[in-house]
Amino acid sequence: MVRVARNREPGVLLKQVAADFGISESCLTNWLSSADADDGGRPVAAGSENAEVRDLKRRNRLLEQENEVLRHAAAYLSQANLPGK
């Protein structure tokens, strides 16, 4: 599939190639990226960059969880202050 996507005719979109194979466009894009990295077409992130990305993703996940807690707390407190309840 990667070879077909790379050698497609001009004007043929990745979306169409993916649809022909019954997969999503994002899946095909990921496969192309992996194949490029395997072929040396693009450099793979260094170990320190991988660690930094992993740390940033962990931090992002923590911040998203904190935001979710704050959203629930705000909703609860706003209902508690309604008159007549």
N, C-alpha and C. Protein backbone atom coordinates (compact mmCIF):
# COMPACT_ATOMS: atom_id res chain seq x y z
N MET A 1 0.81 -1.19 0.00
CA MET A 1 0.00 0.00 0.00
C MET A 1 0.86 1.26 0.00
N VAL A 2 1.96 1.22 0.74
CA VAL A 2 2.84 2.39 0.79
C VAL A 2 3.42 2.65 -0.59
N ARG A 3 3.82 1.60 -1.26
CA ARG A 3 4.38 1.75 -2.61
C ARG A 3 3.34 2.33 -3.57
N VAL A 4 2.12 1.85 -3.48
CA VAL A 4 1.04 2.36 -4.34
C VAL A 4 0.81 3.84 -4.05
N ALA A 5 0.80 4.21 -2.77
CA ALA A 5 0.58 5.61 -2.40
C ALA A 5 1.71 6.50 -2.89
N ARG A 6 2.94 6.00 -2.80
CA ARG A 6 4.08 6.80 -3.26
C ARG A 6 4.09 6.96 -4.78
N ASN A 7 3.66 5.92 -5.48
CA ASN A 7 3.72 5.94 -6.95
C ASN A 7 2.39 6.30 -7.60
N ARG A 8 1.50 6.92 -6.88
CA ARG A 8 0.19 7.26 -7.44
C ARG A 8 0.33 8.31 -8.54
N GLU A 9 -0.66 8.34 -9.40
CA GLU A 9 -0.68 9.30 -10.51
C GLU A 9 -0.83 10.72 -9.97
N PRO A 10 -0.30 11.69 -10.69
CA PRO A 10 -0.50 13.09 -10.27
C PRO A 10 -1.99 13.41 -10.22
N GLY A 11 -2.40 14.09 -9.19
CA GLY A 11 -3.80 14.46 -9.03
C GLY A 11 -4.61 13.47 -8.22
N VAL A 12 -4.08 12.28 -7.97
CA VAL A 12 -4.78 11.29 -7.15
C VAL A 12 -4.44 11.57 -5.69
N LEU A 13 -5.44 11.78 -4.89
CA LEU A 13 -5.24 12.13 -3.49
C LEU A 13 -5.00 10.90 -2.63
N LEU A 14 -4.29 11.10 -1.52
CA LEU A 14 -4.08 10.01 -0.58
C LEU A 14 -5.40 9.47 -0.07
N LYS A 15 -6.37 10.36 0.06
CA LYS A 15 -7.70 9.96 0.54
C LYS A 15 -8.29 8.89 -0.38
N GLN A 16 -8.13 9.06 -1.69
CA GLN A 16 -8.66 8.10 -2.64
C GLN A 16 -7.92 6.77 -2.57
N VAL A 17 -6.59 6.83 -2.45
CA VAL A 17 -5.80 5.60 -2.34
C VAL A 17 -6.22 4.84 -1.08
N ALA A 18 -6.37 5.56 0.03
CA ALA A 18 -6.78 4.93 1.28
C ALA A 18 -8.17 4.30 1.14
N ALA A 19 -9.09 5.01 0.50
CA ALA A 19 -10.44 4.48 0.30
C ALA A 19 -10.42 3.22 -0.55
N ASP A 20 -9.57 3.20 -1.57
CA ASP A 20 -9.46 2.02 -2.43
C ASP A 20 -9.03 0.78 -1.64
N PHE A 21 -8.20 0.99 -0.63
CA PHE A 21 -7.73 -0.13 0.19
C PHE A 21 -8.60 -0.37 1.42
N GLY A 22 -9.59 0.49 1.63
CA GLY A 22 -10.50 0.31 2.76
C GLY A 22 -9.90 0.71 4.10
N ILE A 23 -8.96 1.67 4.07
CA ILE A 23 -8.37 2.16 5.31
C ILE A 23 -8.57 3.66 5.39
N SER A 24 -8.30 4.23 6.56
CA SER A 24 -8.46 5.68 6.70
C SER A 24 -7.23 6.41 6.14
N GLU A 25 -7.45 7.65 5.78
CA GLU A 25 -6.35 8.47 5.25
C GLU A 25 -5.27 8.66 6.31
N SER A 26 -5.67 8.83 7.56
CA SER A 26 -4.68 9.03 8.62
C SER A 26 -3.83 7.78 8.83
N CYS A 27 -4.43 6.63 8.68
CA CYS A 27 -3.68 5.37 8.79
C CYS A 27 -2.62 5.30 7.70
N LEU A 28 -3.01 5.60 6.48
CA LEU A 28 -2.07 5.57 5.36
C LEU A 28 -0.97 6.61 5.56
N THR A 29 -1.33 7.79 6.05
CA THR A 29 -0.33 8.83 6.31
C THR A 29 0.67 8.36 7.36
N ASN A 30 0.18 7.70 8.40
CA ASN A 30 1.09 7.17 9.43
C ASN A 30 2.02 6.13 8.85
N TRP A 31 1.50 5.26 8.00
CA TRP A 31 2.34 4.24 7.37
C TRP A 31 3.39 4.88 6.48
N LEU A 32 3.01 5.91 5.75
CA LEU A 32 3.98 6.60 4.90
C LEU A 32 5.07 7.25 5.74
N SER A 33 4.70 7.85 6.86
CA SER A 33 5.68 8.47 7.74
C SER A 33 6.64 7.43 8.30
N SER A 34 6.10 6.30 8.72
CA SER A 34 6.95 5.23 9.25
C SER A 34 7.88 4.69 8.18
N ALA A 35 7.36 4.52 6.98
CA ALA A 35 8.18 4.02 5.88
C ALA A 35 9.28 5.01 5.54
N ASP A 36 8.97 6.30 5.57
CA ASP A 36 9.99 7.32 5.31
C ASP A 36 11.09 7.26 6.36
N ALA A 37 10.72 7.08 7.61
CA ALA A 37 11.71 6.99 8.69
C ALA A 37 12.55 5.74 8.52
N ASP A 38 11.91 4.61 8.16
CA ASP A 38 12.65 3.37 7.96
C ASP A 38 13.61 3.46 6.79
N ASP A 39 13.21 4.19 5.76
CA ASP A 39 14.04 4.33 4.56
C ASP A 39 15.10 5.42 4.71
N GLY A 40 15.09 6.13 5.82
CA GLY A 40 16.03 7.21 6.01
C GLY A 40 15.60 8.48 5.31
N GLY A 41 14.34 8.54 4.91
CA GLY A 41 13.83 9.70 4.20
C GLY A 41 13.71 10.93 5.08
N ARG A 42 13.51 10.71 6.34
CA ARG A 42 13.47 11.83 7.28
C ARG A 42 14.12 11.35 8.57
N PRO A 43 14.80 12.23 9.26
CA PRO A 43 15.49 11.81 10.49
C PRO A 43 14.49 11.50 11.60
N VAL A 44 14.82 10.51 12.36
CA VAL A 44 14.01 10.16 13.52
C VAL A 44 14.51 10.97 14.70
N ALA A 45 13.62 11.40 15.56
CA ALA A 45 13.99 12.24 16.69
C ALA A 45 15.04 11.54 17.56
N ALA A 46 15.97 12.32 18.05
CA ALA A 46 17.02 11.80 18.92
C ALA A 46 16.42 11.36 20.25
N GLY A 47 17.19 10.60 21.02
CA GLY A 47 16.70 10.08 22.29
C GLY A 47 16.25 11.17 23.24
N SER A 48 17.02 12.26 23.33
CA SER A 48 16.63 13.34 24.24
C SER A 48 15.35 14.01 23.78
N GLU A 49 15.16 14.11 22.47
CA GLU A 49 13.93 14.69 21.94
C GLU A 49 12.75 13.78 22.22
N ASN A 50 12.97 12.47 22.10
CA ASN A 50 11.90 11.52 22.43
C ASN A 50 11.50 11.64 23.89
N ALA A 51 12.48 11.77 24.77
CA ALA A 51 12.20 11.91 26.19
C ALA A 51 11.44 13.20 26.46
N GLU A 52 11.84 14.27 25.78
CA GLU A 52 11.15 15.55 25.97
C GLU A 52 9.70 15.47 25.49
N VAL A 53 9.49 14.84 24.35
CA VAL A 53 8.13 14.68 23.82
C VAL A 53 7.29 13.85 24.79
N ARG A 54 7.87 12.78 25.30
CA ARG A 54 7.16 11.93 26.26
C ARG A 54 6.79 12.73 27.51
N ASP A 55 7.74 13.53 28.02
CA ASP A 55 7.46 14.35 29.20
C ASP A 55 6.37 15.39 28.92
N LEU A 56 6.43 16.00 27.75
CA LEU A 56 5.42 17.00 27.39
C LEU A 56 4.04 16.38 27.25
N LYS A 57 3.98 15.18 26.69
CA LYS A 57 2.69 14.49 26.57
C LYS A 57 2.14 14.13 27.94
N ARG A 58 3.02 13.71 28.85
CA ARG A 58 2.58 13.39 30.21
C ARG A 58 2.05 14.65 30.90
N ARG A 59 2.77 15.75 30.74
CA ARG A 59 2.34 17.02 31.34
C ARG A 59 1.00 17.48 30.76
N ASN A 60 0.85 17.33 29.45
CA ASN A 60 -0.40 17.70 28.78
C ASN A 60 -1.56 16.87 29.31
N ARG A 61 -1.34 15.58 29.47
CA ARG A 61 -2.39 14.69 29.99
C ARG A 61 -2.79 15.10 31.41
N LEU A 62 -1.80 15.45 32.24
CA LEU A 62 -2.07 15.89 33.60
C LEU A 62 -2.89 17.19 33.60
N LEU A 63 -2.51 18.14 32.75
CA LEU A 63 -3.24 19.40 32.68
C LEU A 63 -4.67 19.20 32.19
N GLU A 64 -4.87 18.27 31.25
CA GLU A 64 -6.22 17.98 30.77
C GLU A 64 -7.07 17.38 31.90
N GLN A 65 -6.47 16.51 32.71
CA GLN A 65 -7.20 15.93 33.84
C GLN A 65 -7.57 17.01 34.85
N GLU A 66 -6.62 17.92 35.11
CA GLU A 66 -6.90 19.00 36.05
C GLU A 66 -8.03 19.89 35.53
N ASN A 67 -8.02 20.19 34.25
CA ASN A 67 -9.10 20.99 33.66
C ASN A 67 -10.45 20.29 33.79
N GLU A 68 -10.46 19.00 33.60
CA GLU A 68 -11.71 18.24 33.71
C GLU A 68 -12.26 18.32 35.14
N VAL A 69 -11.38 18.19 36.12
CA VAL A 69 -11.80 18.30 37.52
C VAL A 69 -12.37 19.68 37.78
N LEU A 70 -11.70 20.72 37.29
CA LEU A 70 -12.18 22.09 37.49
C LEU A 70 -13.52 22.32 36.81
N ARG A 71 -13.72 21.75 35.63
CA ARG A 71 -15.01 21.88 34.94
C ARG A 71 -16.13 21.26 35.77
N HIS A 72 -15.89 20.07 36.30
CA HIS A 72 -16.90 19.40 37.12
C HIS A 72 -17.17 20.19 38.39
N ALA A 73 -16.13 20.71 39.01
CA ALA A 73 -16.30 21.50 40.24
C ALA A 73 -17.10 22.76 39.95
N ALA A 74 -16.80 23.44 38.86
CA ALA A 74 -17.53 24.66 38.50
C ALA A 74 -19.00 24.35 38.24
N ALA A 75 -19.28 23.25 37.56
CA ALA A 75 -20.66 22.87 37.29
C ALA A 75 -21.40 22.55 38.59
N TYR A 76 -20.74 21.84 39.48
CA TYR A 76 -21.36 21.49 40.77
C TYR A 76 -21.65 22.74 41.59
N LEU A 77 -20.67 23.64 41.67
CA LEU A 77 -20.84 24.85 42.46
C LEU A 77 -21.88 25.78 41.86
N SER A 78 -21.97 25.83 40.55
CA SER A 78 -22.97 26.70 39.93
C SER A 78 -24.39 26.18 40.20
N GLN A 79 -24.57 24.87 40.28
CA GLN A 79 -25.88 24.30 40.60
C GLN A 79 -26.23 24.51 42.06
N ALA A 80 -25.24 24.52 42.93
CA ALA A 80 -25.48 24.69 44.36
C ALA A 80 -25.94 26.10 44.69
N ASN A 81 -25.59 27.07 43.86
CA ASN A 81 -25.92 28.47 44.13
C ASN A 81 -27.20 28.93 43.44
N LEU A 82 -27.92 28.03 42.81
CA LEU A 82 -29.16 28.41 42.15
C LEU A 82 -30.25 28.67 43.19
N PRO A 83 -31.00 29.75 43.04
CA PRO A 83 -32.09 30.01 43.99
C PRO A 83 -33.22 29.00 43.81
N GLY A 84 -33.84 28.62 44.90
CA GLY A 84 -35.00 27.74 44.84
C GLY A 84 -34.64 26.27 44.86
N LYS A 85 -33.42 25.91 44.97
CA LYS A 85 -33.05 24.49 45.02
C LYS A 85 -32.46 24.12 46.33
